[in-house]
Amino acid sequence: MSDLHFGVAGAEGPKRYFSRMTRAELAHAYLFSGPAGVGKKTFARRLAQSLLCEAPHPHGVLGYDGTCTSCKLFSAGDATRHPDFLEHVGTLKIGEGDGGAGFYESDDLTARDLVRLLSMQSYEGGMRVLLLGDLDFATHHAANALLKFFEEPPSGVVLMITTATPARILPTIRSRVIELVFPPLAAGQVSEVLSGLGYASEDVARAVKITPGSVSGAIAAIGGDEQPLRALVADWFFEAVSGGTPQTPWATRDTLEDGLNTIKMLVRDWLVLGLGGVELCASDYEAELRRLGAIDIAASEAILARVAAAQRVAQSNVSPAMVSDLVRMAITGAATTRSA
């Protein structure tokens, strides 16, 4: 029997949950919630690979041998084309009536497509697994269309949903899934993942400080496509704190959570800079923070509380621009207020 593997950093709670479970005990649907970049989609893909792996599992459902025919299909990573694994990332539309398309014949899958595809028989005669990553619905109608799956779940199908904003999932869907929470990763875990991806040690060390707990955030800090967001939010922050009215928008549904976390990090560093002896998370903005002058604990706690409230509001259907305005009102003029 081949040794089984499960290449996922962190997620100790979800690992324990599934390691004690047999296939017969699997639920039909799971919700993996937690901050962006903590490995929710990676865990879901590895769990799917485990469930479809042809190697015998002596206990639990986690683990794959990496060498069987099924596992070789997963070796393509994000481009996996396994006949019994279907993945859709992002916003889900309602779609038209049933059509004749099969798996992977369209990159624009809809809720109705998914319900139809999941009603089909397994290609290999075993399980079928569906991953809806970073799920959002274009309309309530799209969410309601998917409810058919939950009302009459096909046998042998496991659905996994990942989200950083679980409150945006309709209660009618959320009440029908088992939710597992993924916490932020430890710095050492993020470093291990990035090192395994081939990033230079000095880049890894800097990125882990800038975006603690998130692999995708750390990759962005090293120089990925999302790196400009951090700089954009920082410029917006310093202009607002100094009493200005920033005109450059940064908040969208996709950038809101990361942007708010950047603001919290800057407020935290602004406080500890005045206390001394504490390492900054955003050391590259030390000069800008020093120019703001000192801020006391009460003032910083008040700002952080307002940002946390904005994060809770962001979980709803309120527009991202309104959420950023709430934060702007909390921080505008804070530097001049403290120095007065």
Protein backbone atom coordinates (compact mmCIF):
# COMPACT_ATOMS: atom_id res chain seq x y z
CA MET A 1 0.00 0.00 0.00
CA SER A 2 1.36 3.43 -0.95
CA ASP A 3 1.99 6.08 1.67
CA LEU A 4 -0.73 8.73 1.74
CA HIS A 5 -0.04 12.47 1.78
CA PHE A 6 -2.04 15.62 2.47
CA GLY A 7 -0.04 18.68 1.46
CA VAL A 8 -1.80 21.49 3.31
CA ALA A 9 -0.22 23.93 5.78
CA GLY A 10 -2.09 24.79 8.96
CA ALA A 11 -5.83 23.99 9.13
CA GLU A 12 -5.30 21.72 12.12
CA GLY A 13 -8.96 21.85 13.15
CA PRO A 14 -10.36 20.84 9.73
CA LYS A 15 -7.65 18.17 9.46
CA ARG A 16 -8.70 16.63 12.78
CA TYR A 17 -12.35 16.78 11.78
CA PHE A 18 -11.92 14.86 8.53
CA SER A 19 -9.22 12.51 9.81
CA ARG A 20 -11.73 10.94 12.20
CA MET A 21 -14.38 10.49 9.52
CA THR A 22 -15.29 7.63 7.19
CA ARG A 23 -16.68 8.14 3.70
CA ALA A 24 -20.07 6.96 4.90
CA GLU A 25 -20.09 9.79 7.46
CA LEU A 26 -19.39 12.57 4.95
CA ALA A 27 -22.04 15.27 4.73
CA HIS A 28 -23.28 16.42 1.32
CA ALA A 29 -22.00 20.00 1.75
CA TYR A 30 -19.32 21.93 3.66
CA LEU A 31 -18.54 25.63 4.06
CA PHE A 32 -14.88 26.53 4.59
CA SER A 33 -14.71 30.07 5.97
CA GLY A 34 -11.79 32.23 7.06
CA PRO A 35 -9.54 35.09 5.92
CA ALA A 36 -8.20 35.21 2.39
CA GLY A 37 -4.97 33.34 1.75
CA VAL A 38 -5.14 30.81 4.60
CA GLY A 39 -5.51 27.74 2.36
CA LYS A 40 -9.26 27.12 2.16
CA LYS A 41 -9.29 26.32 -1.57
CA THR A 42 -6.06 24.34 -1.29
CA PHE A 43 -7.58 22.24 1.48
CA ALA A 44 -10.73 21.69 -0.58
CA ARG A 45 -8.72 20.58 -3.62
CA ARG A 46 -6.60 18.21 -1.54
CA LEU A 47 -9.72 16.81 0.11
CA ALA A 48 -11.25 16.26 -3.33
CA GLN A 49 -8.07 14.50 -4.45
CA SER A 50 -8.21 12.35 -1.32
CA LEU A 51 -11.83 11.37 -1.93
CA LEU A 52 -11.13 10.45 -5.54
CA CYS A 53 -7.75 8.77 -4.97
CA GLU A 54 -7.69 5.11 -5.99
CA ALA A 55 -5.36 4.04 -3.16
CA PRO A 56 -7.02 2.29 -0.20
CA HIS A 57 -7.54 4.47 2.90
CA PRO A 58 -7.14 2.42 6.09
CA HIS A 59 -8.85 5.11 8.19
CA GLY A 60 -10.32 8.57 7.69
CA VAL A 61 -10.82 10.31 4.36
CA LEU A 62 -7.69 12.51 4.21
CA GLY A 63 -4.69 11.51 2.14
CA TYR A 64 -3.78 10.58 -1.43
CA ASP A 65 -0.91 8.58 -2.84
CA GLY A 66 -0.09 11.02 -5.65
CA THR A 67 0.69 8.25 -8.12
CA CYS A 68 -2.64 6.69 -9.09
CA THR A 69 -4.43 7.62 -12.31
CA SER A 70 -6.83 9.91 -10.45
CA CYS A 71 -4.04 11.76 -8.59
CA LYS A 72 -2.11 12.33 -11.81
CA LEU A 73 -5.10 14.28 -13.10
CA PHE A 74 -4.80 16.56 -10.05
CA SER A 75 -1.12 17.23 -10.75
CA ALA A 76 -2.12 20.09 -13.06
CA GLY A 77 -2.99 22.21 -10.00
CA ASP A 78 -5.53 24.92 -10.77
CA ALA A 79 -5.93 23.49 -14.28
CA THR A 80 -7.13 20.10 -12.98
CA ARG A 81 -9.46 18.33 -15.38
CA HIS A 82 -10.68 15.32 -13.43
CA PRO A 83 -13.98 13.95 -14.79
CA ASP A 84 -15.46 13.67 -11.28
CA PHE A 85 -14.13 16.97 -9.89
CA LEU A 86 -15.71 20.27 -10.86
CA GLU A 87 -14.42 23.65 -9.67
CA HIS A 88 -15.87 27.11 -10.09
CA VAL A 89 -14.25 30.19 -8.54
CA GLY A 90 -15.96 33.53 -8.07
CA THR A 91 -19.42 34.86 -8.81
CA LEU A 92 -22.10 32.40 -9.80
CA LYS A 93 -24.87 33.46 -12.18
CA ILE A 94 -28.27 31.85 -12.52
CA GLY A 95 -27.95 30.69 -16.14
CA GLU A 96 -30.51 29.71 -18.74
CA GLY A 97 -32.48 26.50 -18.89
CA ASP A 98 -30.79 23.12 -19.03
CA GLY A 99 -28.44 22.65 -21.94
CA GLY A 100 -26.39 19.81 -23.29
CA ALA A 101 -22.90 20.89 -22.29
CA GLY A 102 -20.74 18.49 -20.34
CA PHE A 103 -17.95 19.10 -17.85
CA TYR A 104 -15.50 21.83 -18.83
CA GLU A 105 -17.17 22.69 -22.12
CA SER A 106 -17.76 26.19 -20.81
CA ASP A 107 -15.70 28.38 -18.48
CA ASP A 108 -18.82 30.33 -17.52
CA LEU A 109 -20.66 27.76 -15.44
CA THR A 110 -23.91 28.83 -13.80
CA ALA A 111 -26.01 27.65 -10.88
CA ARG A 112 -28.33 25.78 -13.20
CA ASP A 113 -25.36 24.20 -15.00
CA LEU A 114 -24.03 22.91 -11.70
CA VAL A 115 -27.33 21.44 -10.56
CA ARG A 116 -27.67 19.64 -13.89
CA LEU A 117 -24.08 18.37 -13.94
CA LEU A 118 -24.31 17.07 -10.39
CA SER A 119 -27.37 15.04 -11.28
CA MET A 120 -25.26 13.00 -13.74
CA GLN A 121 -23.57 9.74 -12.82
CA SER A 122 -19.93 9.56 -11.75
CA TYR A 123 -17.54 8.94 -14.63
CA GLU A 124 -15.50 6.46 -12.57
CA GLY A 125 -18.48 4.97 -10.75
CA GLY A 126 -17.50 6.49 -7.39
CA MET A 127 -17.86 9.92 -5.82
CA ARG A 128 -18.24 13.32 -7.42
CA VAL A 129 -16.84 16.49 -5.82
CA LEU A 130 -17.75 20.11 -6.48
CA LEU A 131 -15.73 23.09 -5.25
CA LEU A 132 -17.22 26.59 -5.30
CA GLY A 133 -14.27 28.80 -4.39
CA ASP A 134 -14.60 32.39 -3.13
CA LEU A 135 -18.32 31.99 -3.72
CA ASP A 136 -20.52 34.97 -4.38
CA PHE A 137 -23.85 35.08 -6.18
CA ALA A 138 -24.69 37.52 -8.93
CA THR A 139 -28.30 37.65 -7.69
CA HIS A 140 -30.55 36.02 -5.11
CA HIS A 141 -32.05 34.08 -8.01
CA ALA A 142 -28.68 32.43 -8.66
CA ALA A 143 -28.47 31.38 -5.02
CA ASN A 144 -32.02 30.07 -5.08
CA ALA A 145 -31.27 28.06 -8.23
CA LEU A 146 -28.51 26.24 -6.35
CA LEU A 147 -30.90 25.44 -3.51
CA LYS A 148 -32.21 22.55 -5.57
CA PHE A 149 -28.96 20.73 -4.79
CA PHE A 150 -29.46 21.19 -1.04
CA GLU A 151 -33.11 20.22 -1.14
CA GLU A 152 -32.45 17.01 -3.07
CA PRO A 153 -28.70 16.26 -2.78
CA PRO A 154 -27.62 13.49 -5.19
CA SER A 155 -26.00 10.48 -3.57
CA GLY A 156 -22.23 10.27 -3.78
CA VAL A 157 -21.75 14.03 -4.27
CA VAL A 158 -19.80 16.30 -1.91
CA LEU A 159 -20.02 20.08 -2.30
CA MET A 160 -17.39 22.38 -0.76
CA ILE A 161 -17.82 26.16 -0.60
CA THR A 162 -15.02 28.53 0.41
CA THR A 163 -15.51 32.15 1.42
CA ALA A 164 -13.87 34.96 3.38
CA THR A 165 -17.32 36.52 3.92
CA PRO A 166 -19.64 33.79 5.23
CA ALA A 167 -22.36 36.29 6.16
CA ARG A 168 -22.89 36.92 2.45
CA ILE A 169 -23.98 33.31 1.96
CA LEU A 170 -27.78 33.13 2.12
CA PRO A 171 -29.08 31.72 5.42
CA THR A 172 -31.10 29.16 3.46
CA ILE A 173 -27.83 27.77 2.09
CA ARG A 174 -25.66 28.29 5.15
CA SER A 175 -28.12 26.38 7.35
CA ARG A 176 -27.75 23.35 5.08
CA VAL A 177 -23.95 23.05 5.22
CA ILE A 178 -21.40 22.15 7.88
CA GLU A 179 -19.11 25.15 8.46
CA LEU A 180 -15.43 24.74 9.32
CA VAL A 181 -13.39 27.83 10.19
CA PHE A 182 -9.83 28.24 8.92
CA PRO A 183 -7.69 30.54 11.10
CA PRO A 184 -4.77 32.68 9.87
CA LEU A 185 -1.56 30.75 9.29
CA ALA A 186 1.41 31.04 11.59
CA ALA A 187 4.37 32.97 10.22
CA GLY A 188 6.43 29.79 10.01
CA GLN A 189 3.71 28.06 8.00
CA VAL A 190 3.52 30.93 5.50
CA SER A 191 7.31 30.92 5.21
CA GLU A 192 7.36 27.17 4.61
CA VAL A 193 4.78 27.42 1.82
CA LEU A 194 6.56 30.31 0.12
CA SER A 195 9.95 28.63 0.39
CA GLY A 196 8.45 25.51 -1.14
CA LEU A 197 7.24 27.64 -4.04
CA GLY A 198 10.81 28.77 -4.67
CA TYR A 199 10.75 32.33 -3.34
CA ALA A 200 14.00 33.79 -2.03
CA SER A 201 14.42 33.75 1.75
CA GLU A 202 14.82 37.54 2.02
CA ASP A 203 11.63 38.10 0.04
CA VAL A 204 9.80 35.57 2.20
CA ALA A 205 10.92 37.24 5.44
CA ARG A 206 9.78 40.67 4.26
CA ALA A 207 6.46 39.43 2.89
CA VAL A 208 5.52 37.54 6.06
CA LYS A 209 5.94 40.74 8.05
CA ILE A 210 3.86 42.78 5.62
CA THR A 211 0.92 40.39 5.35
CA PRO A 212 0.95 38.05 8.36
CA GLY A 213 -1.14 34.87 8.19
CA SER A 214 -1.88 34.86 4.46
CA VAL A 215 -0.04 33.05 1.68
CA SER A 216 -1.76 34.93 -1.14
CA GLY A 217 -1.14 38.24 0.63
CA ALA A 218 2.54 37.39 1.08
CA ILE A 219 2.87 36.44 -2.59
CA ALA A 220 1.28 39.75 -3.53
CA ALA A 221 3.74 41.58 -1.27
CA ILE A 222 6.65 39.90 -2.99
CA GLY A 223 5.51 41.30 -6.30
CA GLY A 224 2.34 39.61 -7.49
CA ASP A 225 -0.45 41.25 -9.41
CA GLU A 226 -2.19 42.49 -6.25
CA GLN A 227 0.81 44.36 -4.83
CA PRO A 228 -0.44 47.80 -6.00
CA LEU A 229 -3.52 47.43 -3.74
CA ARG A 230 -1.44 47.71 -0.58
CA ALA A 231 0.29 50.84 -1.84
CA LEU A 232 -3.02 52.31 -3.01
CA VAL A 233 -4.67 51.72 0.36
CA ALA A 234 -1.65 53.10 2.22
CA ASP A 235 -1.69 56.31 0.16
CA TRP A 236 -5.44 56.60 0.81
CA PHE A 237 -4.88 56.04 4.53
CA PHE A 238 -2.15 58.65 4.96
CA GLU A 239 -4.10 61.26 3.03
CA ALA A 240 -7.24 60.69 5.11
CA VAL A 241 -5.40 60.59 8.44
CA SER A 242 -3.69 63.88 7.60
CA GLY A 243 -7.06 65.55 7.04
CA GLY A 244 -7.43 65.21 3.29
CA THR A 245 -10.23 63.70 1.25
CA PRO A 246 -8.80 60.86 -0.85
CA GLN A 247 -10.19 60.77 -4.36
CA THR A 248 -8.68 57.48 -5.55
CA PRO A 249 -11.07 54.58 -4.88
CA TRP A 250 -9.66 51.22 -3.82
CA ALA A 251 -12.62 49.33 -2.38
CA THR A 252 -14.27 46.63 -4.47
CA ARG A 253 -15.90 43.39 -3.40
CA ASP A 254 -12.63 41.56 -4.14
CA THR A 255 -10.26 44.06 -2.48
CA LEU A 256 -12.30 45.14 0.53
CA GLU A 257 -11.12 42.58 3.08
CA ASP A 258 -7.43 42.93 2.20
CA GLY A 259 -7.72 46.72 2.17
CA LEU A 260 -9.33 46.88 5.60
CA ASN A 261 -6.67 44.56 7.01
CA THR A 262 -3.98 46.86 5.58
CA ILE A 263 -5.59 49.82 7.36
CA LYS A 264 -5.70 47.90 10.66
CA MET A 265 -2.04 47.01 10.26
CA LEU A 266 -1.09 50.65 9.67
CA VAL A 267 -3.07 51.81 12.72
CA ARG A 268 -1.40 49.14 14.83
CA ASP A 269 2.05 50.22 13.64
CA TRP A 270 1.20 53.87 14.21
CA LEU A 271 0.52 53.07 17.86
CA VAL A 272 3.50 50.79 18.55
CA LEU A 273 5.88 53.20 16.84
CA GLY A 274 5.22 55.64 19.68
CA LEU A 275 5.58 52.96 22.33
CA GLY A 276 8.98 51.81 21.08
CA GLY A 277 10.63 48.42 21.27
CA VAL A 278 8.03 46.65 19.08
CA GLU A 279 8.75 45.49 15.54
CA LEU A 280 6.57 47.04 12.83
CA CYS A 281 4.49 44.90 10.49
CA ALA A 282 4.68 47.56 7.76
CA SER A 283 8.28 48.64 8.28
CA ASP A 284 8.40 50.05 4.75
CA TYR A 285 5.98 52.78 5.87
CA GLU A 286 7.88 53.75 9.02
CA ALA A 287 8.86 57.19 7.71
CA GLU A 288 5.26 58.07 6.78
CA LEU A 289 3.99 56.87 10.16
CA ARG A 290 6.56 58.93 12.05
CA ARG A 291 5.43 62.05 10.21
CA LEU A 292 1.94 61.54 11.65
CA GLY A 293 3.18 62.05 15.20
CA ALA A 294 2.19 59.88 18.13
CA ILE A 295 -1.27 58.43 18.71
CA ASP A 296 -2.41 57.21 22.13
CA ILE A 297 -3.93 53.84 22.94
CA ALA A 298 -7.49 55.12 23.37
CA ALA A 299 -7.50 56.88 20.00
CA SER A 300 -6.02 53.89 18.18
CA GLU A 301 -8.49 51.51 19.84
CA ALA A 302 -11.36 53.73 18.76
CA ILE A 303 -10.17 53.66 15.14
CA LEU A 304 -9.62 49.90 15.20
CA ALA A 305 -13.11 49.42 16.62
CA ARG A 306 -14.57 51.46 13.78
CA VAL A 307 -12.60 49.44 11.22
CA ALA A 308 -13.78 46.20 12.82
CA ALA A 309 -17.36 47.49 12.61
CA ALA A 310 -16.81 48.28 8.94
CA GLN A 311 -15.56 44.72 8.41
CA ARG A 312 -18.78 43.39 9.91
CA VAL A 313 -20.80 45.65 7.63
CA ALA A 314 -18.71 44.42 4.69
CA GLN A 315 -20.08 40.93 5.30
CA SER A 316 -23.49 42.15 4.12
CA ASN A 317 -24.58 43.47 0.74
CA VAL A 318 -23.59 47.07 1.53
CA SER A 319 -21.52 48.58 -1.26
CA PRO A 320 -17.73 48.48 -0.77
CA ALA A 321 -17.55 52.24 -1.40
CA MET A 322 -19.86 52.84 1.57
CA VAL A 323 -17.70 50.64 3.78
CA SER A 324 -14.56 52.57 2.83
CA ASP A 325 -16.41 55.82 3.55
CA LEU A 326 -17.19 54.58 7.06
CA VAL A 327 -13.49 53.99 7.64
CA ARG A 328 -12.53 57.31 6.08
CA MET A 329 -14.82 59.16 8.48
CA ALA A 330 -13.18 57.32 11.38
CA ILE A 331 -9.61 58.22 10.45
CA THR A 332 -9.86 61.60 8.68
CA GLY A 333 -7.93 64.22 10.62
CA ALA A 334 -6.73 61.75 13.26
CA ALA A 335 -3.13 62.93 12.94
CA THR A 336 -3.99 66.61 13.32
CA THR A 337 -6.32 65.77 16.23
CA ARG A 338 -3.56 63.98 18.15
CA SER A 339 -0.97 66.69 17.56
CA ALA A 340 -3.28 69.54 18.57
